[in-house]
């Protein structure tokens, strides 16, 4: 009887071993799948968290990221870039034509700027221009970017655009105030000069320049008193003899 059952037992033992091995492989694969899925979810969470942090930093800094595929005429903008212009953020590509239509007509168009980069074999861009906000006003942007080109791909202009509208307004206000101050000083009937705490020339009127036979103010601005006096000649003194 044992002789009859021995082959059956051997085959049963072999089949059980095969089944156990298959079950073990399935368990390992299932575990690996769930482990990989968990890691993928964790990676997605880390990516989303990092992206949110970057976007928050960009928004607080009034700036946005660009990735311009020059050859294909399309761009990727960060969500902060859309917000900067008061536009509805979107995840798809924006066309170059749509972007260029937002640029102020008096400013150099973007394509000509990139053509100049390629023509002169330059890799970096630092350019200020105006773009139209969704509410109709113009904002000044300073774009700083790097031209990147892989061997098998078209050139990409990758960089950041920063809102410099307030800086522009401040510079214009400062220039206007400076011009008004100079006009007021120029109307003073006597020679007038102003030095700072370090004894450097701040400003003077034309009467002071004429009195000391000094060159143009642009050549003397912020020069030390000793340097100004070195550039001066003997003052013109007119005397009248009856």
C-alpha atoms as a PDB file:
ATOM      1  CA  UNK A   1       0.000   0.000   0.000  1.00  0.00           C
ATOM      2  CA  UNK A   2       2.844   2.356   0.895  1.00  0.00           C
ATOM      3  CA  UNK A   3       4.495   1.537  -2.369  1.00  0.00           C
ATOM      4  CA  UNK A   4       1.299   2.501  -4.198  1.00  0.00           C
ATOM      5  CA  UNK A   5       0.824   5.796  -2.298  1.00  0.00           C
ATOM      6  CA  UNK A   6       4.479   6.844  -2.346  1.00  0.00           C
ATOM      7  CA  UNK A   7       4.405   8.360  -5.879  1.00  0.00           C
ATOM      8  CA  UNK A   8       1.134  10.161  -5.098  1.00  0.00           C
ATOM      9  CA  UNK A   9       2.586  11.578  -1.873  1.00  0.00           C
ATOM     10  CA  UNK A  10       5.715  12.728  -3.679  1.00  0.00           C
ATOM     11  CA  UNK A  11       3.638  14.458  -6.374  1.00  0.00           C
ATOM     12  CA  UNK A  12       1.386  16.017  -3.716  1.00  0.00           C
ATOM     13  CA  UNK A  13       4.412  17.266  -1.794  1.00  0.00           C
ATOM     14  CA  UNK A  14       5.865  18.738  -4.995  1.00  0.00           C
ATOM     15  CA  UNK A  15       2.576  20.458  -5.866  1.00  0.00           C
ATOM     16  CA  UNK A  16       2.243  21.857  -2.351  1.00  0.00           C
ATOM     17  CA  UNK A  17       5.807  23.195  -2.545  1.00  0.00           C
ATOM     18  CA  UNK A  18       5.088  24.815  -5.926  1.00  0.00           C
ATOM     19  CA  UNK A  19       1.861  26.313  -4.583  1.00  0.00           C
ATOM     20  CA  UNK A  20       3.649  27.645  -1.515  1.00  0.00           C
ATOM     21  CA  UNK A  21       6.373  29.201  -3.664  1.00  0.00           C
ATOM     22  CA  UNK A  22       3.806  30.794  -5.984  1.00  0.00           C
ATOM     23  CA  UNK A  23       1.864  32.113  -2.977  1.00  0.00           C
ATOM     24  CA  UNK A  24       5.058  33.529  -1.507  1.00  0.00           C
ATOM     25  CA  UNK A  25       5.927  35.252  -4.795  1.00  0.00           C
ATOM     26  CA  UNK A  26       2.407  36.718  -4.991  1.00  0.00           C
ATOM     27  CA  UNK A  27       2.699  37.976  -1.411  1.00  0.00           C
ATOM     28  CA  UNK A  28       6.102  39.543  -2.137  1.00  0.00           C
ATOM     29  CA  UNK A  29       4.806  41.187  -5.341  1.00  0.00           C
ATOM     30  CA  UNK A  30       1.690  42.441  -3.551  1.00  0.00           C
ATOM     31  CA  UNK A  31       3.775  43.860  -0.717  1.00  0.00           C
ATOM     32  CA  UNK A  32       6.174  45.486  -3.169  1.00  0.00           C
ATOM     33  CA  UNK A  33       3.233  47.006  -5.074  1.00  0.00           C
ATOM     34  CA  UNK A  34       1.676  48.494  -1.967  1.00  0.00           C
ATOM     35  CA  UNK A  35       5.065  49.647  -0.697  1.00  0.00           C
ATOM     36  CA  UNK A  36       5.790  51.280  -4.055  1.00  0.00           C
ATOM     37  CA  UNK A  37       2.318  52.818  -4.094  1.00  0.00           C
ATOM     38  CA  UNK A  38       2.864  54.192  -0.596  1.00  0.00           C
ATOM     39  CA  UNK A  39       6.248  55.602  -1.568  1.00  0.00           C
ATOM     40  CA  UNK A  40       4.725  57.131  -4.707  1.00  0.00           C
ATOM     41  CA  UNK A  41       1.989  58.762  -2.646  1.00  0.00           C
ATOM     42  CA  UNK A  42       4.576  60.031  -0.181  1.00  0.00           C
ATOM     43  CA  UNK A  43       6.686  61.350  -3.071  1.00  0.00           C
ATOM     44  CA  UNK A  44       3.618  63.076  -4.542  1.00  0.00           C
ATOM     45  CA  UNK A  45       2.850  64.635  -1.171  1.00  0.00           C
ATOM     46  CA  UNK A  46       6.442  65.857  -0.818  1.00  0.00           C
ATOM     47  CA  UNK A  47       6.348  67.285  -4.368  1.00  0.00           C
ATOM     48  CA  UNK A  48       3.007  69.025  -3.808  1.00  0.00           C
ATOM     49  CA  UNK A  49       4.198  70.451  -0.499  1.00  0.00           C
ATOM     50  CA  UNK A  50       7.454  71.711  -2.020  1.00  0.00           C
ATOM     51  CA  UNK A  51       5.615  73.212  -4.995  1.00  0.00           C
ATOM     52  CA  UNK A  52       3.166  74.994  -2.689  1.00  0.00           C
ATOM     53  CA  UNK A  53       6.029  76.409  -0.630  1.00  0.00           C
ATOM     54  CA  UNK A  54       7.845  77.621  -3.747  1.00  0.00           C
ATOM     55  CA  UNK A  55       4.682  79.198  -5.168  1.00  0.00           C
ATOM     56  CA  UNK A  56       4.015  80.924  -1.836  1.00  0.00           C
ATOM     57  CA  UNK A  57       7.545  82.318  -1.765  1.00  0.00           C
ATOM     58  CA  UNK A  58       7.221  83.535  -5.363  1.00  0.00           C
ATOM     59  CA  UNK A  59       3.872  85.195  -4.687  1.00  0.00           C
ATOM     60  CA  UNK A  60       5.216  86.968  -1.609  1.00  0.00           C
ATOM     61  CA  UNK A  61       8.198  88.106  -3.644  1.00  0.00           C
ATOM     62  CA  UNK A  62       5.947  89.428  -6.435  1.00  0.00           C
ATOM     63  CA  UNK A  63       7.668  87.209  -8.988  1.00  0.00           C
ATOM     64  CA  UNK A  64       6.978  84.303 -11.328  1.00  0.00           C
ATOM     65  CA  UNK A  65       8.855  81.562 -13.164  1.00  0.00           C
ATOM     66  CA  UNK A  66       9.097  81.241 -16.952  1.00  0.00           C
ATOM     67  CA  UNK A  67      10.139  78.362 -19.175  1.00  0.00           C
ATOM     68  CA  UNK A  68       9.972  79.529 -22.785  1.00  0.00           C
ATOM     69  CA  UNK A  69      10.387  76.914 -25.509  1.00  0.00           C
ATOM     70  CA  UNK A  70      11.693  79.359 -28.112  1.00  0.00           C
ATOM     71  CA  UNK A  71      11.614  76.981 -31.085  1.00  0.00           C
ATOM     72  CA  UNK A  72       8.029  75.825 -30.525  1.00  0.00           C
ATOM     73  CA  UNK A  73       6.731  79.234 -29.466  1.00  0.00           C
ATOM     74  CA  UNK A  74       5.175  78.195 -26.179  1.00  0.00           C
ATOM     75  CA  UNK A  75       5.735  78.932 -22.504  1.00  0.00           C
ATOM     76  CA  UNK A  76       5.152  77.446 -19.101  1.00  0.00           C
ATOM     77  CA  UNK A  77       4.309  79.905 -16.339  1.00  0.00           C
ATOM     78  CA  UNK A  78       4.199  79.277 -12.616  1.00  0.00           C
ATOM     79  CA  UNK A  79       0.890  80.008 -10.906  1.00  0.00           C
ATOM     80  CA  UNK A  80       2.510  83.043  -9.282  1.00  0.00           C
ATOM     81  CA  UNK A  81       3.187  84.499 -12.742  1.00  0.00           C
ATOM     82  CA  UNK A  82      -0.500  84.361 -13.608  1.00  0.00           C
ATOM     83  CA  UNK A  83      -1.369  85.923 -10.261  1.00  0.00           C
ATOM     84  CA  UNK A  84       1.156  88.694 -10.883  1.00  0.00           C
ATOM     85  CA  UNK A  85      -0.838  89.712 -13.960  1.00  0.00           C
ATOM     86  CA  UNK A  86      -4.238  89.124 -12.366  1.00  0.00           C
ATOM     87  CA  UNK A  87      -4.954  86.183 -14.679  1.00  0.00           C
ATOM     88  CA  UNK A  88      -6.631  82.873 -13.927  1.00  0.00           C
ATOM     89  CA  UNK A  89      -3.906  80.306 -13.257  1.00  0.00           C
ATOM     90  CA  UNK A  90      -3.781  77.242 -15.482  1.00  0.00           C
ATOM     91  CA  UNK A  91      -1.561  74.189 -15.758  1.00  0.00           C
ATOM     92  CA  UNK A  92      -1.344  73.993 -19.543  1.00  0.00           C
ATOM     93  CA  UNK A  93       1.073  75.769 -21.888  1.00  0.00           C
ATOM     94  CA  UNK A  94       0.560  79.413 -22.869  1.00  0.00           C
ATOM     95  CA  UNK A  95       1.409  80.485 -26.415  1.00  0.00           C
ATOM     96  CA  UNK A  96       4.104  83.050 -27.178  1.00  0.00           C
ATOM     97  CA  UNK A  97       1.615  85.104 -29.212  1.00  0.00           C
ATOM     98  CA  UNK A  98      -0.656  85.412 -26.181  1.00  0.00           C
ATOM     99  CA  UNK A  99       2.256  86.518 -24.006  1.00  0.00           C
ATOM    100  CA  UNK A 100       3.644  88.960 -26.567  1.00  0.00           C
ATOM    101  CA  UNK A 101       0.233  90.617 -26.906  1.00  0.00           C
ATOM    102  CA  UNK A 102       0.495  91.561 -23.230  1.00  0.00           C
ATOM    103  CA  UNK A 103       3.802  93.401 -23.725  1.00  0.00           C
ATOM    104  CA  UNK A 104       3.658  97.207 -24.010  1.00  0.00           C
ATOM    105  CA  UNK A 105       3.952  98.268 -27.685  1.00  0.00           C
ATOM    106  CA  UNK A 106       6.655 100.841 -26.865  1.00  0.00           C
ATOM    107  CA  UNK A 107       8.925  98.208 -25.318  1.00  0.00           C
ATOM    108  CA  UNK A 108      11.181  95.827 -27.231  1.00  0.00           C
ATOM    109  CA  UNK A 109       9.235  92.698 -28.120  1.00  0.00           C
ATOM    110  CA  UNK A 110      10.424  89.504 -26.451  1.00  0.00           C
ATOM    111  CA  UNK A 111      11.226  87.609 -29.635  1.00  0.00           C
ATOM    112  CA  UNK A 112      13.595  90.338 -30.846  1.00  0.00           C
ATOM    113  CA  UNK A 113      15.311  90.229 -27.469  1.00  0.00           C
ATOM    114  CA  UNK A 114      15.906  86.473 -27.745  1.00  0.00           C
ATOM    115  CA  UNK A 115      17.011  86.792 -31.370  1.00  0.00           C
ATOM    116  CA  UNK A 116      19.622  89.289 -30.197  1.00  0.00           C
ATOM    117  CA  UNK A 117      20.814  86.768 -27.601  1.00  0.00           C
ATOM    118  CA  UNK A 118      21.212  84.022 -30.188  1.00  0.00           C
ATOM    119  CA  UNK A 119      22.795  86.321 -32.765  1.00  0.00           C
ATOM    120  CA  UNK A 120      25.441  87.557 -30.338  1.00  0.00           C
ATOM    121  CA  UNK A 121      26.000  84.147 -28.737  1.00  0.00           C
ATOM    122  CA  UNK A 122      24.971  85.373 -25.289  1.00  0.00           C
ATOM    123  CA  UNK A 123      23.394  83.055 -22.721  1.00  0.00           C
ATOM    124  CA  UNK A 124      21.871  85.352 -20.096  1.00  0.00           C
ATOM    125  CA  UNK A 125      19.078  87.918 -20.206  1.00  0.00           C
ATOM    126  CA  UNK A 126      18.394  90.882 -17.914  1.00  0.00           C
ATOM    127  CA  UNK A 127      15.581  92.949 -19.396  1.00  0.00           C
ATOM    128  CA  UNK A 128      12.888  95.330 -18.110  1.00  0.00           C
ATOM    129  CA  UNK A 129       9.577  95.782 -19.894  1.00  0.00           C
ATOM    130  CA  UNK A 130       5.898  96.408 -19.240  1.00  0.00           C
ATOM    131  CA  UNK A 131       3.041  93.915 -19.375  1.00  0.00           C
ATOM    132  CA  UNK A 132      -0.680  94.587 -19.191  1.00  0.00           C
ATOM    133  CA  UNK A 133      -2.448  93.511 -16.010  1.00  0.00           C
ATOM    134  CA  UNK A 134      -5.886  91.899 -16.295  1.00  0.00           C
ATOM    135  CA  UNK A 135      -7.357  95.117 -14.851  1.00  0.00           C
ATOM    136  CA  UNK A 136      -5.876  97.131 -17.717  1.00  0.00           C
ATOM    137  CA  UNK A 137      -2.970  98.838 -15.974  1.00  0.00           C
ATOM    138  CA  UNK A 138       0.673  98.351 -16.917  1.00  0.00           C
ATOM    139  CA  UNK A 139       3.184  96.774 -14.581  1.00  0.00           C
ATOM    140  CA  UNK A 140       6.949  96.835 -14.948  1.00  0.00           C
ATOM    141  CA  UNK A 141       8.727  93.481 -14.928  1.00  0.00           C
ATOM    142  CA  UNK A 142      12.401  92.675 -14.747  1.00  0.00           C
ATOM    143  CA  UNK A 143      13.130  89.356 -16.447  1.00  0.00           C
ATOM    144  CA  UNK A 144      16.351  87.566 -15.598  1.00  0.00           C
ATOM    145  CA  UNK A 145      16.843  84.302 -17.468  1.00  0.00           C
ATOM    146  CA  UNK A 146      19.338  81.842 -18.883  1.00  0.00           C
ATOM    147  CA  UNK A 147      19.305  80.427 -22.397  1.00  0.00           C
ATOM    148  CA  UNK A 148      19.527  76.628 -22.190  1.00  0.00           C
ATOM    149  CA  UNK A 149      19.811  74.307 -25.169  1.00  0.00           C
ATOM    150  CA  UNK A 150      20.214  70.534 -25.153  1.00  0.00           C
ATOM    151  CA  UNK A 151      21.768  68.795 -28.133  1.00  0.00           C
ATOM    152  CA  UNK A 152      18.468  67.302 -29.301  1.00  0.00           C
ATOM    153  CA  UNK A 153      16.098  70.071 -28.263  1.00  0.00           C
ATOM    154  CA  UNK A 154      15.212  73.635 -29.173  1.00  0.00           C
ATOM    155  CA  UNK A 155      16.543  76.483 -26.990  1.00  0.00           C
ATOM    156  CA  UNK A 156      14.673  77.263 -23.779  1.00  0.00           C
ATOM    157  CA  UNK A 157      14.761  80.583 -21.956  1.00  0.00           C
ATOM    158  CA  UNK A 158      14.354  79.723 -18.285  1.00  0.00           C
ATOM    159  CA  UNK A 159      14.213  82.317 -15.558  1.00  0.00           C
ATOM    160  CA  UNK A 160      12.236  84.583 -13.285  1.00  0.00           C
ATOM    161  CA  UNK A 161      10.213  87.774 -13.766  1.00  0.00           C
ATOM    162  CA  UNK A 162      10.006  90.239 -10.865  1.00  0.00           C
ATOM    163  CA  UNK A 163       7.486  93.056 -10.431  1.00  0.00           C
ATOM    164  CA  UNK A 164       9.547  96.272 -10.231  1.00  0.00           C
ATOM    165  CA  UNK A 165       6.653  98.708 -10.675  1.00  0.00           C
ATOM    166  CA  UNK A 166       7.098 100.280  -7.234  1.00  0.00           C
ATOM    167  CA  UNK A 167      10.849 100.680  -7.745  1.00  0.00           C
ATOM    168  CA  UNK A 168      10.172 102.359 -11.094  1.00  0.00           C
ATOM    169  CA  UNK A 169       7.667 104.752  -9.544  1.00  0.00           C
ATOM    170  CA  UNK A 170      10.064 105.567  -6.719  1.00  0.00           C
ATOM    171  CA  UNK A 171      12.906 106.218  -9.177  1.00  0.00           C
ATOM    172  CA  UNK A 172      10.666 108.522 -11.240  1.00  0.00           C
ATOM    173  CA  UNK A 173       9.527 110.402  -8.125  1.00  0.00           C
ATOM    174  CA  UNK A 174      13.125 110.755  -6.945  1.00  0.00           C
ATOM    175  CA  UNK A 175      14.233 112.027 -10.353  1.00  0.00           C
ATOM    176  CA  UNK A 176      11.359 114.531 -10.428  1.00  0.00           C
ATOM    177  CA  UNK A 177      12.132 115.768  -6.914  1.00  0.00           C
ATOM    178  CA  UNK A 178      15.828 116.044  -7.765  1.00  0.00           C
ATOM    179  CA  UNK A 179      15.055 118.049 -10.897  1.00  0.00           C
ATOM    180  CA  UNK A 180      12.783 120.436  -8.975  1.00  0.00           C
ATOM    181  CA  UNK A 181      15.445 120.906  -6.309  1.00  0.00           C
ATOM    182  CA  UNK A 182      18.087 121.678  -8.922  1.00  0.00           C
ATOM    183  CA  UNK A 183      15.757 124.157 -10.612  1.00  0.00           C
ATOM    184  CA  UNK A 184      15.179 125.881  -7.267  1.00  0.00           C
ATOM    185  CA  UNK A 185      18.926 126.044  -6.530  1.00  0.00           C
ATOM    186  CA  UNK A 186      19.606 127.397  -9.997  1.00  0.00           C
ATOM    187  CA  UNK A 187      17.296 130.352  -9.357  1.00  0.00           C
ATOM    188  CA  UNK A 188      19.348 131.465  -6.317  1.00  0.00           C
ATOM    189  CA  UNK A 189      21.076 134.737  -7.333  1.00  0.00           C
ATOM    190  CA  UNK A 190      24.358 133.840  -5.572  1.00  0.00           C
ATOM    191  CA  UNK A 191      26.779 130.967  -5.963  1.00  0.00           C
ATOM    192  CA  UNK A 192      25.479 127.931  -4.063  1.00  0.00           C
ATOM    193  CA  UNK A 193      27.170 124.644  -3.171  1.00  0.00           C
ATOM    194  CA  UNK A 194      26.185 121.724  -0.936  1.00  0.00           C
ATOM    195  CA  UNK A 195      28.642 119.209   0.583  1.00  0.00           C
ATOM    196  CA  UNK A 196      27.766 116.065   2.522  1.00  0.00           C
ATOM    197  CA  UNK A 197      29.206 114.903   5.865  1.00  0.00           C
ATOM    198  CA  UNK A 198      32.194 113.314   4.087  1.00  0.00           C
ATOM    199  CA  UNK A 199      32.905 116.612   2.329  1.00  0.00           C
ATOM    200  CA  UNK A 200      31.816 115.245  -1.041  1.00  0.00           C
ATOM    201  CA  UNK A 201      30.001 117.455  -3.516  1.00  0.00           C
ATOM    202  CA  UNK A 202      26.234 116.926  -3.522  1.00  0.00           C
ATOM    203  CA  UNK A 203      25.134 119.728  -5.814  1.00  0.00           C
ATOM    204  CA  UNK A 204      25.917 123.266  -6.888  1.00  0.00           C
ATOM    205  CA  UNK A 205      24.423 125.832  -9.205  1.00  0.00           C
ATOM    206  CA  UNK A 206      25.906 127.180 -12.404  1.00  0.00           C
ATOM    207  CA  UNK A 207      26.927 130.425 -10.677  1.00  0.00           C
ATOM    208  CA  UNK A 208      29.228 128.454  -8.361  1.00  0.00           C
ATOM    209  CA  UNK A 209      30.680 126.583 -11.340  1.00  0.00           C
ATOM    210  CA  UNK A 210      31.183 129.824 -13.236  1.00  0.00           C
ATOM    211  CA  UNK A 211      32.764 131.541 -10.235  1.00  0.00           C
ATOM    212  CA  UNK A 212      35.375 128.774  -9.862  1.00  0.00           C
ATOM    213  CA  UNK A 213      35.630 127.997 -13.583  1.00  0.00           C
ATOM    214  CA  UNK A 214      34.588 124.402 -12.877  1.00  0.00           C
ATOM    215  CA  UNK A 215      33.694 121.793 -15.523  1.00  0.00           C
ATOM    216  CA  UNK A 216      30.197 120.317 -15.831  1.00  0.00           C
ATOM    217  CA  UNK A 217      28.555 119.107 -12.627  1.00  0.00           C
ATOM    218  CA  UNK A 218      28.359 115.541 -13.985  1.00  0.00           C
ATOM    219  CA  UNK A 219      32.163 115.367 -13.852  1.00  0.00           C
ATOM    220  CA  UNK A 220      32.250 116.596 -10.255  1.00  0.00           C
ATOM    221  CA  UNK A 221      29.282 114.859  -8.626  1.00  0.00           C
ATOM    222  CA  UNK A 222      30.222 113.034  -5.397  1.00  0.00           C
ATOM    223  CA  UNK A 223      33.852 114.153  -5.723  1.00  0.00           C
ATOM    224  CA  UNK A 224      35.698 115.178  -2.554  1.00  0.00           C
ATOM    225  CA  UNK A 225      36.243 118.862  -1.814  1.00  0.00           C
ATOM    226  CA  UNK A 226      39.978 118.578  -2.506  1.00  0.00           C
ATOM    227  CA  UNK A 227      39.325 117.046  -5.934  1.00  0.00           C
ATOM    228  CA  UNK A 228      36.821 119.762  -6.775  1.00  0.00           C
ATOM    229  CA  UNK A 229      39.275 122.464  -5.770  1.00  0.00           C
ATOM    230  CA  UNK A 230      41.994 120.832  -7.872  1.00  0.00           C
ATOM    231  CA  UNK A 231      39.681 121.075 -10.864  1.00  0.00           C
ATOM    232  CA  UNK A 232      38.904 124.718 -10.085  1.00  0.00           C
ATOM    233  CA  UNK A 233      40.733 127.689 -11.474  1.00  0.00           C
ATOM    234  CA  UNK A 234      41.095 131.112  -9.970  1.00  0.00           C
ATOM    235  CA  UNK A 235      37.671 132.723  -9.570  1.00  0.00           C
ATOM    236  CA  UNK A 236      36.695 135.362 -12.048  1.00  0.00           C
ATOM    237  CA  UNK A 237      36.831 138.764 -10.333  1.00  0.00           C
ATOM    238  CA  UNK A 238      35.622 141.739 -12.252  1.00  0.00           C
ATOM    239  CA  UNK A 239      36.580 145.181 -11.144  1.00  0.00           C
ATOM    240  CA  UNK A 240      35.398 148.452 -12.549  1.00  0.00           C
ATOM    241  CA  UNK A 241      37.714 151.445 -12.615  1.00  0.00           C
ATOM    242  CA  UNK A 242      36.105 154.814 -12.941  1.00  0.00           C
END
